[in-house]
Amino acid sequence: MLTLRMTRHGAKKRPFYHIVVADSRSPRDGRFIEKVGTYNPMLPKDDAKRVTLIAERITHWLKNGAQPSDRVARFLADAKLGPKVEWRDAPKKSAPKAKAQERMKAAEDAAKAAAEAAAAPAEEAPAEEAPAA
């Protein structure tokens, strides 16, 4: 199966990616069929050179059955070359366990109670002074 994916280039801590068409069984930075774009994450998000795509070659490979990776599909959607991609939610595995959720809820309840207690005397004090005057 063919995939549109990124291969990493550049120096250490200075990434640069080529967007390529490759066989899904080949290694990430290994053999590829054709280079169809670049991605430079070091540039600002509004820079035109951050993502460059060769539109006609990408559409050709998509028509021939190439499947884009998640990140490349996002680039294609931004360039109007593919459908809009929804990000997946965080996996449930990374959610806090039951006891941790109970502790967080108890801490939130305590914070709300403290905020209400601090706000209540401030509101009552002017109300008592007004009738006394």
Protein backbone atom coordinates (compact mmCIF):
# COMPACT_ATOMS: atom_id res chain seq x y z
CA MET A 1 0.00 0.00 0.00
CA LEU A 2 1.25 3.49 -0.82
CA THR A 3 1.32 6.24 1.78
CA LEU A 4 1.92 9.97 1.75
CA ARG A 5 4.10 10.58 4.79
CA MET A 6 6.98 12.62 6.14
CA THR A 7 10.66 11.67 6.31
CA ARG A 8 12.88 13.52 8.76
CA HIS A 9 15.93 15.45 7.61
CA GLY A 10 17.90 18.34 9.06
CA ALA A 11 20.26 18.60 11.98
CA LYS A 12 19.79 17.63 15.59
CA LYS A 13 17.13 19.86 17.21
CA ARG A 14 16.53 21.52 13.80
CA PRO A 15 13.98 19.25 12.09
CA PHE A 16 13.04 19.48 8.43
CA TYR A 17 10.68 17.05 6.74
CA HIS A 18 10.17 15.88 3.17
CA ILE A 19 6.65 14.79 2.25
CA VAL A 20 7.03 11.66 0.15
CA VAL A 21 5.09 8.86 -1.48
CA ALA A 22 6.42 5.57 -0.14
CA ASP A 23 5.49 1.95 0.32
CA SER A 24 4.01 1.54 3.80
CA ARG A 25 6.46 -1.31 4.53
CA SER A 26 9.60 0.77 3.96
CA PRO A 27 11.33 2.51 6.91
CA ARG A 28 10.46 6.09 7.83
CA ASP A 29 13.61 7.61 6.34
CA GLY A 30 14.19 4.80 3.86
CA ARG A 31 13.29 4.24 0.25
CA PHE A 32 10.52 6.34 -1.28
CA ILE A 33 8.94 6.69 -4.71
CA GLU A 34 8.60 10.45 -5.13
CA LYS A 35 9.08 13.64 -3.11
CA VAL A 36 5.91 15.73 -3.27
CA GLY A 37 6.52 18.49 -0.72
CA THR A 38 8.35 19.81 2.33
CA TYR A 39 7.52 20.87 5.89
CA ASN A 40 9.71 23.15 8.00
CA PRO A 41 8.36 23.37 11.57
CA MET A 42 11.03 25.94 12.51
CA LEU A 43 9.28 28.65 10.44
CA PRO A 44 6.36 30.69 11.85
CA LYS A 45 2.88 29.29 11.24
CA ASP A 46 1.91 32.10 8.85
CA ASP A 47 5.00 31.67 6.65
CA ALA A 48 4.23 30.47 3.10
CA LYS A 49 7.38 28.30 2.99
CA ARG A 50 6.44 26.33 6.13
CA VAL A 51 4.53 23.76 4.05
CA THR A 52 5.13 23.42 0.31
CA LEU A 53 3.16 20.91 -1.75
CA ILE A 54 3.22 19.85 -5.40
CA ALA A 55 -0.55 19.78 -5.92
CA GLU A 56 -0.76 17.94 -9.25
CA ARG A 57 1.50 15.08 -8.09
CA ILE A 58 -0.37 14.74 -4.81
CA THR A 59 -3.73 14.52 -6.56
CA HIS A 60 -2.23 11.96 -8.96
CA TRP A 61 -1.06 9.72 -6.10
CA LEU A 62 -4.31 10.13 -4.16
CA LYS A 63 -6.22 8.99 -7.27
CA ASN A 64 -3.90 5.98 -7.48
CA GLY A 65 -4.81 4.93 -3.93
CA ALA A 66 -2.12 6.48 -1.75
CA GLN A 67 -3.27 7.05 1.85
CA PRO A 68 -1.97 10.15 3.68
CA SER A 69 -0.73 9.93 7.26
CA ASP A 70 -2.62 11.94 9.90
CA ARG A 71 -0.29 14.95 9.77
CA VAL A 72 -0.04 14.97 5.97
CA ALA A 73 -3.84 14.71 5.71
CA ARG A 74 -4.04 17.83 7.87
CA PHE A 75 -1.66 19.66 5.50
CA LEU A 76 -3.72 18.54 2.50
CA ALA A 77 -6.95 19.76 4.10
CA ASP A 78 -5.37 23.16 4.78
CA ALA A 79 -4.28 23.34 1.12
CA LYS A 80 -7.78 22.26 -0.08
CA LEU A 81 -6.37 19.05 -1.60
CA GLY A 82 -8.27 16.68 0.67
CA PRO A 83 -11.20 16.49 3.08
CA LYS A 84 -11.09 18.25 6.44
CA VAL A 85 -9.55 16.00 9.08
CA GLU A 86 -10.80 15.90 12.66
CA TRP A 87 -8.19 15.35 15.36
CA ARG A 88 -8.78 12.30 17.49
CA ASP A 89 -9.48 12.77 21.18
CA ALA A 90 -6.83 11.83 23.67
CA PRO A 91 -6.88 8.13 24.42
CA LYS A 92 -8.78 7.08 27.52
CA LYS A 93 -5.64 5.32 28.70
CA SER A 94 -4.06 8.69 29.50
CA ALA A 95 -7.06 9.91 31.54
CA PRO A 96 -6.60 9.99 35.32
CA LYS A 97 -7.77 6.92 37.21
CA ALA A 98 -10.89 6.92 39.45
CA LYS A 99 -9.15 7.88 42.72
CA ALA A 100 -7.28 10.75 41.07
CA GLN A 101 -10.54 12.03 39.54
CA GLU A 102 -12.20 11.93 42.99
CA ARG A 103 -9.30 13.90 44.50
CA MET A 104 -9.50 16.50 41.71
CA LYS A 105 -13.27 16.85 42.20
CA ALA A 106 -12.86 17.24 45.97
CA ALA A 107 -10.20 19.92 45.44
CA GLU A 108 -12.49 21.80 43.01
CA ASP A 109 -15.39 21.62 45.48
CA ALA A 110 -13.17 22.95 48.29
CA ALA A 111 -11.99 25.82 46.08
CA LYS A 112 -15.59 26.73 45.17
CA ALA A 113 -16.63 26.67 48.84
CA ALA A 114 -13.70 28.90 49.80
CA ALA A 115 -14.55 31.36 47.03
CA GLU A 116 -18.19 31.50 48.09
CA ALA A 117 -17.23 31.98 51.75
CA ALA A 118 -14.87 34.81 50.85
CA ALA A 119 -17.50 36.53 48.69
CA ALA A 120 -20.42 36.16 51.15
CA PRO A 121 -19.09 38.34 54.06
CA ALA A 122 -18.09 41.11 51.64
CA GLU A 123 -21.65 41.29 50.34
CA GLU A 124 -23.28 41.17 53.80
CA ALA A 125 -21.13 43.93 55.37
CA PRO A 126 -22.51 46.83 53.26
CA ALA A 127 -26.05 45.56 53.79
CA GLU A 128 -25.64 45.80 57.62
CA GLU A 129 -24.10 49.29 57.51
CA ALA A 130 -26.86 50.78 55.41
CA PRO A 131 -29.69 50.20 57.98
CA ALA A 132 -27.47 51.30 60.89
CA ALA A 133 -26.87 54.73 59.34
